[in-house]
Each structure stands twice: as C-alpha cells, then as structure tokens.
Amino acid sequence: MKSSARNQFKGTVSAIHSGAVNDQIELDVDGLKLVAIITQGSTQELGLQVGAPAIALIKSSSIILVTEEGDVRFSARNRVKGTVDAIHTGAVNTEVAIALPGGGALTAIVTNQSCDSLGLAVGVPVTGLFKASSVIIGVPA
C-alpha cells in the first residue's frame, strides 16, 4: 500500500471493542499496541476481526512530542517511546525521526521553535503521542 502518511505500521488486530457508533480497534505491531477509533461501518467494510492483518497510518503532523512526562496526564491513547534518530530542519518546521525499541520508527513534524524548546537532538529520549481518532486503519488488498 502506498500512502502519503509517513507512519505506517503493519500489525494484527488484537481486540475490537464495539460502541454505539464507533469501534475501538487495537493493533499489535511487534509488541507495540496501537489504538484506533473507527466507525462500525468501516470495521465491517474492512472485514476486521481479531487475528486479521491490518495497517495503521498516522500523519506525522498528528504526532505530539514530549520529552518529560512527569506528573502530566494526557488524553492521547497512543504513547510511543523512543529515541531521536534524525532531525531535518526546514524554514518553519522540523521533521523528527524517532527510533523505536524493537526496530520501528515514528516520524513527527513539529515547529522549529518546539524542536528547540524541547531540546531535541539525536539520542534524546522522546515520546510520541497521538489520539486514537488520528489513526487510519487499512487492510492488505
């Protein structure tokens, strides 16, 4: 599958929690749990069931970066911890590549000012946060 989304995670559906309108889909990506909220119609149309292969897509602009969680609580269901692997600075925004334990990667786009204020540099531990509603689920054709 080709997509403009920088973050693409292939995994297996590990749980489906049905609601009145939306379903919560849990995807296991080599031990990393990602959560998506999609409509029940989408769950049915995609043929999602526990054990089925699926792909999670997350736009890099949907990723919020934090370097210290401390006592702060976040409503974002997805929290991916890693280490800054590369930084590419543009005129306004910075692309931050995060190496994940076990081999994957997560890419975030943040403003240059945010990159500076967070003290981001190669090797710095960082957590990528994103809402379950920001995850798009696809299935292999």
N, C-alpha and C. Protein backbone atom coordinates (compact mmCIF):
# COMPACT_ATOMS: atom_id res chain seq x y z
N MET A 1 0.85 -1.17 0.00
CA MET A 1 0.00 0.00 0.00
C MET A 1 0.89 1.23 0.00
N LYS A 2 0.64 2.15 -0.91
CA LYS A 2 1.35 3.43 -0.94
C LYS A 2 0.46 4.48 -0.33
N SER A 3 1.07 5.37 0.45
CA SER A 3 0.31 6.41 1.13
C SER A 3 1.23 7.58 1.42
N SER A 4 0.66 8.76 1.56
CA SER A 4 1.47 9.93 1.92
C SER A 4 1.73 9.97 3.42
N ALA A 5 1.05 9.13 4.19
CA ALA A 5 1.26 9.11 5.64
C ALA A 5 2.67 8.58 5.92
N ARG A 6 3.46 9.35 6.66
CA ARG A 6 4.85 8.95 6.95
C ARG A 6 4.93 7.74 7.86
N ASN A 7 3.93 7.56 8.71
CA ASN A 7 3.96 6.48 9.70
C ASN A 7 3.00 5.38 9.27
N GLN A 8 3.56 4.23 8.95
CA GLN A 8 2.78 3.07 8.53
C GLN A 8 3.24 1.86 9.34
N PHE A 9 2.33 1.29 10.09
CA PHE A 9 2.65 0.16 10.96
C PHE A 9 1.82 -1.05 10.56
N LYS A 10 2.48 -2.13 10.15
CA LYS A 10 1.79 -3.38 9.83
C LYS A 10 1.67 -4.20 11.10
N GLY A 11 0.47 -4.70 11.35
CA GLY A 11 0.26 -5.48 12.56
C GLY A 11 -0.92 -6.41 12.43
N THR A 12 -1.39 -6.85 13.58
CA THR A 12 -2.51 -7.78 13.67
C THR A 12 -3.54 -7.22 14.63
N VAL A 13 -4.80 -7.30 14.27
CA VAL A 13 -5.87 -6.85 15.16
C VAL A 13 -5.86 -7.74 16.39
N SER A 14 -5.69 -7.12 17.57
CA SER A 14 -5.64 -7.89 18.82
C SER A 14 -6.92 -7.78 19.62
N ALA A 15 -7.73 -6.74 19.35
CA ALA A 15 -9.01 -6.59 20.05
C ALA A 15 -9.89 -5.61 19.29
N ILE A 16 -11.20 -5.83 19.40
CA ILE A 16 -12.20 -4.91 18.86
C ILE A 16 -13.23 -4.68 19.96
N HIS A 17 -13.40 -3.42 20.34
CA HIS A 17 -14.40 -3.05 21.35
C HIS A 17 -15.46 -2.21 20.65
N SER A 18 -16.65 -2.76 20.52
CA SER A 18 -17.72 -2.08 19.80
C SER A 18 -18.46 -1.10 20.69
N GLY A 19 -18.78 0.05 20.11
CA GLY A 19 -19.60 1.05 20.80
C GLY A 19 -20.88 1.25 20.03
N ALA A 20 -21.62 2.28 20.37
CA ALA A 20 -22.89 2.55 19.70
C ALA A 20 -22.70 2.94 18.24
N VAL A 21 -21.63 3.70 17.95
CA VAL A 21 -21.37 4.17 16.60
C VAL A 21 -19.97 3.78 16.14
N ASN A 22 -19.01 3.92 17.02
CA ASN A 22 -17.61 3.66 16.69
C ASN A 22 -17.10 2.40 17.36
N ASP A 23 -16.04 1.85 16.78
CA ASP A 23 -15.33 0.72 17.36
C ASP A 23 -13.93 1.16 17.73
N GLN A 24 -13.44 0.60 18.82
CA GLN A 24 -12.04 0.80 19.20
C GLN A 24 -11.28 -0.42 18.71
N ILE A 25 -10.32 -0.21 17.85
CA ILE A 25 -9.52 -1.28 17.28
C ILE A 25 -8.13 -1.23 17.91
N GLU A 26 -7.70 -2.36 18.46
CA GLU A 26 -6.34 -2.46 18.99
C GLU A 26 -5.53 -3.28 18.01
N LEU A 27 -4.37 -2.75 17.68
CA LEU A 27 -3.48 -3.38 16.72
C LEU A 27 -2.16 -3.70 17.40
N ASP A 28 -1.72 -4.94 17.29
CA ASP A 28 -0.42 -5.35 17.83
C ASP A 28 0.61 -5.27 16.71
N VAL A 29 1.61 -4.42 16.92
CA VAL A 29 2.68 -4.25 15.94
C VAL A 29 3.98 -4.68 16.62
N ASP A 30 4.30 -5.95 16.52
CA ASP A 30 5.51 -6.50 17.14
C ASP A 30 5.64 -6.08 18.60
N GLY A 31 4.57 -6.23 19.37
CA GLY A 31 4.59 -5.90 20.79
C GLY A 31 4.17 -4.48 21.11
N LEU A 32 4.12 -3.62 20.13
CA LEU A 32 3.65 -2.25 20.31
C LEU A 32 2.15 -2.24 20.09
N LYS A 33 1.38 -1.71 21.07
CA LYS A 33 -0.07 -1.66 20.93
C LYS A 33 -0.48 -0.28 20.45
N LEU A 34 -1.20 -0.25 19.33
CA LEU A 34 -1.75 0.99 18.80
C LEU A 34 -3.27 0.90 18.87
N VAL A 35 -3.93 2.02 19.17
CA VAL A 35 -5.37 2.05 19.30
C VAL A 35 -5.94 3.03 18.27
N ALA A 36 -6.99 2.59 17.58
CA ALA A 36 -7.68 3.43 16.59
C ALA A 36 -9.16 3.44 16.91
N ILE A 37 -9.80 4.55 16.60
CA ILE A 37 -11.25 4.67 16.70
C ILE A 37 -11.77 4.84 15.28
N ILE A 38 -12.62 3.89 14.83
CA ILE A 38 -13.20 3.97 13.50
C ILE A 38 -14.70 3.64 13.61
N THR A 39 -15.44 3.95 12.58
CA THR A 39 -16.87 3.65 12.61
C THR A 39 -17.10 2.15 12.51
N GLN A 40 -18.25 1.71 13.02
CA GLN A 40 -18.60 0.29 12.89
C GLN A 40 -18.71 -0.11 11.43
N GLY A 41 -19.20 0.81 10.60
CA GLY A 41 -19.29 0.53 9.17
C GLY A 41 -17.93 0.25 8.57
N SER A 42 -16.92 1.00 8.99
CA SER A 42 -15.56 0.77 8.50
C SER A 42 -15.02 -0.57 8.97
N THR A 43 -15.31 -0.91 10.23
CA THR A 43 -14.87 -2.21 10.76
C THR A 43 -15.44 -3.33 9.90
N GLN A 44 -16.72 -3.23 9.58
CA GLN A 44 -17.38 -4.26 8.77
C GLN A 44 -16.86 -4.26 7.34
N GLU A 45 -16.75 -3.08 6.74
CA GLU A 45 -16.30 -2.97 5.35
C GLU A 45 -14.89 -3.51 5.16
N LEU A 46 -14.03 -3.28 6.16
CA LEU A 46 -12.65 -3.77 6.09
C LEU A 46 -12.55 -5.25 6.46
N GLY A 47 -13.61 -5.81 7.01
CA GLY A 47 -13.58 -7.21 7.43
C GLY A 47 -12.67 -7.45 8.63
N LEU A 48 -12.59 -6.45 9.50
CA LEU A 48 -11.70 -6.57 10.65
C LEU A 48 -12.23 -7.57 11.65
N GLN A 49 -11.33 -8.40 12.13
CA GLN A 49 -11.62 -9.34 13.20
C GLN A 49 -10.33 -9.63 13.92
N VAL A 50 -10.43 -10.10 15.13
CA VAL A 50 -9.23 -10.41 15.91
C VAL A 50 -8.40 -11.44 15.14
N GLY A 51 -7.12 -11.15 15.03
CA GLY A 51 -6.19 -12.03 14.31
C GLY A 51 -5.96 -11.62 12.86
N ALA A 52 -6.77 -10.70 12.34
CA ALA A 52 -6.62 -10.26 10.95
C ALA A 52 -5.46 -9.27 10.81
N PRO A 53 -4.77 -9.30 9.68
CA PRO A 53 -3.72 -8.31 9.44
C PRO A 53 -4.33 -6.95 9.14
N ALA A 54 -3.66 -5.90 9.57
CA ALA A 54 -4.12 -4.54 9.31
C ALA A 54 -2.93 -3.59 9.34
N ILE A 55 -3.15 -2.41 8.83
CA ILE A 55 -2.10 -1.40 8.76
C ILE A 55 -2.63 -0.13 9.41
N ALA A 56 -1.84 0.44 10.31
CA ALA A 56 -2.17 1.72 10.94
C ALA A 56 -1.39 2.82 10.24
N LEU A 57 -2.10 3.88 9.84
CA LEU A 57 -1.48 5.04 9.20
C LEU A 57 -1.68 6.25 10.09
N ILE A 58 -0.59 6.98 10.35
CA ILE A 58 -0.67 8.19 11.17
C ILE A 58 0.15 9.28 10.49
N LYS A 59 -0.48 10.40 10.19
CA LYS A 59 0.25 11.51 9.60
C LYS A 59 1.25 12.07 10.60
N SER A 60 2.41 12.45 10.12
CA SER A 60 3.46 12.97 11.00
C SER A 60 3.03 14.26 11.70
N SER A 61 2.12 15.01 11.10
CA SER A 61 1.64 16.25 11.72
C SER A 61 0.68 15.98 12.88
N SER A 62 0.23 14.73 13.03
CA SER A 62 -0.66 14.36 14.14
C SER A 62 0.09 13.93 15.39
N ILE A 63 1.41 13.84 15.30
CA ILE A 63 2.23 13.38 16.42
C ILE A 63 2.63 14.56 17.29
N ILE A 64 2.39 14.45 18.59
CA ILE A 64 2.83 15.45 19.57
C ILE A 64 4.01 14.85 20.31
N LEU A 65 5.09 15.60 20.43
CA LEU A 65 6.28 15.09 21.10
C LEU A 65 6.41 15.65 22.52
N VAL A 66 6.81 14.78 23.44
CA VAL A 66 7.12 15.20 24.82
C VAL A 66 8.44 14.56 25.22
N THR A 67 9.21 15.31 25.98
CA THR A 67 10.50 14.78 26.44
C THR A 67 10.46 14.39 27.91
N GLU A 68 9.53 14.97 28.66
CA GLU A 68 9.39 14.63 30.08
C GLU A 68 7.90 14.54 30.39
N GLU A 69 7.46 13.35 30.79
CA GLU A 69 6.04 13.20 31.08
C GLU A 69 5.72 13.62 32.51
N GLY A 70 6.63 13.40 33.44
CA GLY A 70 6.42 13.82 34.82
C GLY A 70 5.06 13.42 35.35
N ASP A 71 4.39 14.33 36.03
CA ASP A 71 3.07 14.07 36.60
C ASP A 71 1.94 14.50 35.66
N VAL A 72 2.28 14.83 34.44
CA VAL A 72 1.27 15.30 33.48
C VAL A 72 0.51 14.09 32.93
N ARG A 73 -0.80 14.23 32.80
CA ARG A 73 -1.63 13.18 32.21
C ARG A 73 -2.08 13.65 30.84
N PHE A 74 -2.15 12.71 29.90
CA PHE A 74 -2.54 13.03 28.53
C PHE A 74 -3.76 12.20 28.14
N SER A 75 -4.64 12.77 27.34
CA SER A 75 -5.81 12.03 26.88
C SER A 75 -5.48 11.16 25.67
N ALA A 76 -4.36 11.38 25.03
CA ALA A 76 -3.99 10.60 23.85
C ALA A 76 -3.78 9.13 24.23
N ARG A 77 -4.48 8.23 23.55
CA ARG A 77 -4.40 6.80 23.87
C ARG A 77 -3.07 6.18 23.45
N ASN A 78 -2.46 6.72 22.41
CA ASN A 78 -1.23 6.13 21.87
C ASN A 78 -0.01 6.90 22.36
N ARG A 79 0.89 6.15 22.98
CA ARG A 79 2.14 6.72 23.51
C ARG A 79 3.27 5.81 23.08
N VAL A 80 4.12 6.34 22.23
CA VAL A 80 5.20 5.55 21.66
C VAL A 80 6.53 6.15 22.10
N LYS A 81 7.29 5.39 22.89
CA LYS A 81 8.56 5.89 23.41
C LYS A 81 9.70 5.45 22.51
N GLY A 82 10.66 6.34 22.34
CA GLY A 82 11.83 6.02 21.53
C GLY A 82 12.93 7.03 21.76
N THR A 83 13.84 7.09 20.80
CA THR A 83 14.99 7.99 20.88
C THR A 83 15.11 8.74 19.56
N VAL A 84 15.38 10.04 19.63
CA VAL A 84 15.54 10.82 18.40
C VAL A 84 16.69 10.23 17.59
N ASP A 85 16.37 9.89 16.34
CA ASP A 85 17.35 9.27 15.44
C ASP A 85 17.88 10.26 14.41
N ALA A 86 17.04 11.20 13.97
CA ALA A 86 17.46 12.20 12.98
C ALA A 86 16.56 13.41 13.08
N ILE A 87 17.12 14.55 12.73
CA ILE A 87 16.38 15.81 12.72
C ILE A 87 16.68 16.52 11.40
N HIS A 88 15.61 16.93 10.70
CA HIS A 88 15.75 17.67 9.45
C HIS A 88 14.99 18.98 9.61
N THR A 89 15.73 20.07 9.69
CA THR A 89 15.14 21.38 9.94
C THR A 89 14.86 22.11 8.64
N GLY A 90 13.64 22.63 8.52
CA GLY A 90 13.25 23.44 7.38
C GLY A 90 13.11 24.89 7.78
N ALA A 91 12.48 25.68 6.93
CA ALA A 91 12.32 27.11 7.19
C ALA A 91 11.40 27.36 8.39
N VAL A 92 10.36 26.54 8.56
CA VAL A 92 9.38 26.74 9.63
C VAL A 92 9.25 25.51 10.52
N ASN A 93 9.27 24.33 9.91
CA ASN A 93 9.05 23.08 10.63
C ASN A 93 10.28 22.18 10.63
N THR A 94 10.27 21.26 11.57
CA THR A 94 11.34 20.28 11.69
C THR A 94 10.74 18.88 11.63
N GLU A 95 11.36 18.01 10.85
CA GLU A 95 10.98 16.60 10.81
C GLU A 95 11.86 15.86 11.81
N VAL A 96 11.22 15.13 12.72
CA VAL A 96 11.94 14.40 13.75
C VAL A 96 11.68 12.91 13.55
N ALA A 97 12.75 12.15 13.30
CA ALA A 97 12.65 10.69 13.16
C ALA A 97 13.00 10.07 14.51
N ILE A 98 12.13 9.18 14.97
CA ILE A 98 12.30 8.56 16.29
C ILE A 98 12.50 7.06 16.10
N ALA A 99 13.61 6.54 16.59
CA ALA A 99 13.87 5.11 16.56
C ALA A 99 13.13 4.47 17.72
N LEU A 100 12.38 3.40 17.42
CA LEU A 100 11.60 2.72 18.44
C LEU A 100 12.31 1.45 18.89
N PRO A 101 12.10 1.06 20.14
CA PRO A 101 12.67 -0.21 20.59
C PRO A 101 12.13 -1.35 19.72
N GLY A 102 12.96 -2.27 19.37
CA GLY A 102 12.50 -3.38 18.54
C GLY A 102 12.58 -3.09 17.06
N GLY A 103 13.02 -1.90 16.69
CA GLY A 103 13.30 -1.64 15.29
C GLY A 103 12.44 -0.66 14.54
N GLY A 104 11.23 -0.39 14.87
CA GLY A 104 10.41 0.51 14.06
C GLY A 104 10.85 1.96 14.16
N ALA A 105 10.10 2.81 13.49
CA ALA A 105 10.39 4.24 13.53
C ALA A 105 9.08 5.02 13.51
N LEU A 106 9.11 6.21 14.07
CA LEU A 106 7.98 7.13 14.09
C LEU A 106 8.51 8.48 13.64
N THR A 107 7.77 9.14 12.76
CA THR A 107 8.18 10.45 12.27
C THR A 107 7.17 11.50 12.70
N ALA A 108 7.66 12.62 13.20
CA ALA A 108 6.80 13.72 13.63
C ALA A 108 7.26 15.01 12.95
N ILE A 109 6.30 15.88 12.69
CA ILE A 109 6.59 17.22 12.19
C ILE A 109 6.20 18.20 13.30
N VAL A 110 7.16 18.99 13.74
CA VAL A 110 6.91 20.00 14.78
C VAL A 110 7.50 21.32 14.29
N THR A 111 7.10 22.40 14.92
CA THR A 111 7.69 23.69 14.55
C THR A 111 9.15 23.73 14.99
N ASN A 112 9.92 24.56 14.34
CA ASN A 112 11.32 24.72 14.72
C ASN A 112 11.43 25.19 16.17
N GLN A 113 10.51 26.09 16.56
CA GLN A 113 10.52 26.61 17.93
C GLN A 113 10.26 25.48 18.93
N SER A 114 9.32 24.58 18.63
CA SER A 114 9.06 23.45 19.52
C SER A 114 10.26 22.53 19.63
N CYS A 115 10.91 22.28 18.49
CA CYS A 115 12.10 21.43 18.50
C CYS A 115 13.17 22.02 19.41
N ASP A 116 13.38 23.32 19.31
CA ASP A 116 14.37 24.00 20.14
C ASP A 116 13.97 23.98 21.62
N SER A 117 12.70 24.30 21.91
CA SER A 117 12.28 24.39 23.31
C SER A 117 12.28 23.02 23.99
N LEU A 118 12.09 21.94 23.22
CA LEU A 118 12.15 20.60 23.80
C LEU A 118 13.58 20.09 23.92
N GLY A 119 14.52 20.81 23.32
CA GLY A 119 15.91 20.38 23.37
C GLY A 119 16.15 19.10 22.59
N LEU A 120 15.41 18.94 21.48
CA LEU A 120 15.55 17.71 20.70
C LEU A 120 16.89 17.67 19.98
N ALA A 121 17.52 16.52 20.07
CA ALA A 121 18.80 16.26 19.40
C ALA A 121 18.93 14.75 19.26
N VAL A 122 19.75 14.32 18.35
CA VAL A 122 19.95 12.88 18.17
C VAL A 122 20.37 12.26 19.50
N GLY A 123 19.69 11.16 19.86
CA GLY A 123 19.98 10.45 21.10
C GLY A 123 19.09 10.81 22.27
N VAL A 124 18.30 11.88 22.15
CA VAL A 124 17.42 12.31 23.25
C VAL A 124 16.19 11.40 23.32
N PRO A 125 15.85 10.88 24.52
CA PRO A 125 14.62 10.10 24.65
C PRO A 125 13.41 11.00 24.44
N VAL A 126 12.40 10.46 23.75
CA VAL A 126 11.21 11.24 23.44
C VAL A 126 10.01 10.30 23.33
N THR A 127 8.84 10.84 23.63
CA THR A 127 7.60 10.08 23.49
C THR A 127 6.72 10.77 22.45
N GLY A 128 6.20 9.98 21.52
CA GLY A 128 5.26 10.48 20.52
C GLY A 128 3.84 10.15 20.97
N LEU A 129 3.00 11.15 21.06
CA LEU A 129 1.60 10.97 21.46
C LEU A 129 0.69 11.24 20.26
N PHE A 130 -0.35 10.43 20.12
CA PHE A 130 -1.34 10.71 19.10
C PHE A 130 -2.66 10.07 19.48
N LYS A 131 -3.73 10.76 19.15
CA LYS A 131 -5.08 10.33 19.51
C LYS A 131 -5.50 9.13 18.68
N ALA A 132 -6.34 8.29 19.27
CA ALA A 132 -6.85 7.12 18.56
C ALA A 132 -7.63 7.53 17.32
N SER A 133 -8.25 8.71 17.36
CA SER A 133 -9.02 9.18 16.20
C SER A 133 -8.12 9.67 15.07
N SER A 134 -6.81 9.78 15.32
CA SER A 134 -5.86 10.18 14.28
C SER A 134 -5.28 8.98 13.52
N VAL A 135 -5.67 7.78 13.94
CA VAL A 135 -5.14 6.57 13.31
C VAL A 135 -6.12 6.09 12.24
N ILE A 136 -5.62 5.92 11.04
CA ILE A 136 -6.41 5.37 9.94
C ILE A 136 -6.03 3.90 9.79
N ILE A 137 -7.03 3.05 9.70
CA ILE A 137 -6.78 1.61 9.55
C ILE A 137 -7.01 1.19 8.10
N GLY A 138 -6.09 0.41 7.58
CA GLY A 138 -6.22 -0.19 6.26
C GLY A 138 -5.98 -1.68 6.35
N VAL A 139 -6.33 -2.39 5.30
CA VAL A 139 -6.09 -3.83 5.26
C VAL A 139 -5.39 -4.16 3.95
N PRO A 140 -4.60 -5.23 3.94
CA PRO A 140 -3.96 -5.63 2.68
C PRO A 140 -5.01 -5.99 1.63
N ALA A 141 -4.71 -5.65 0.39
CA ALA A 141 -5.67 -5.92 -0.70
C ALA A 141 -5.74 -7.41 -1.01
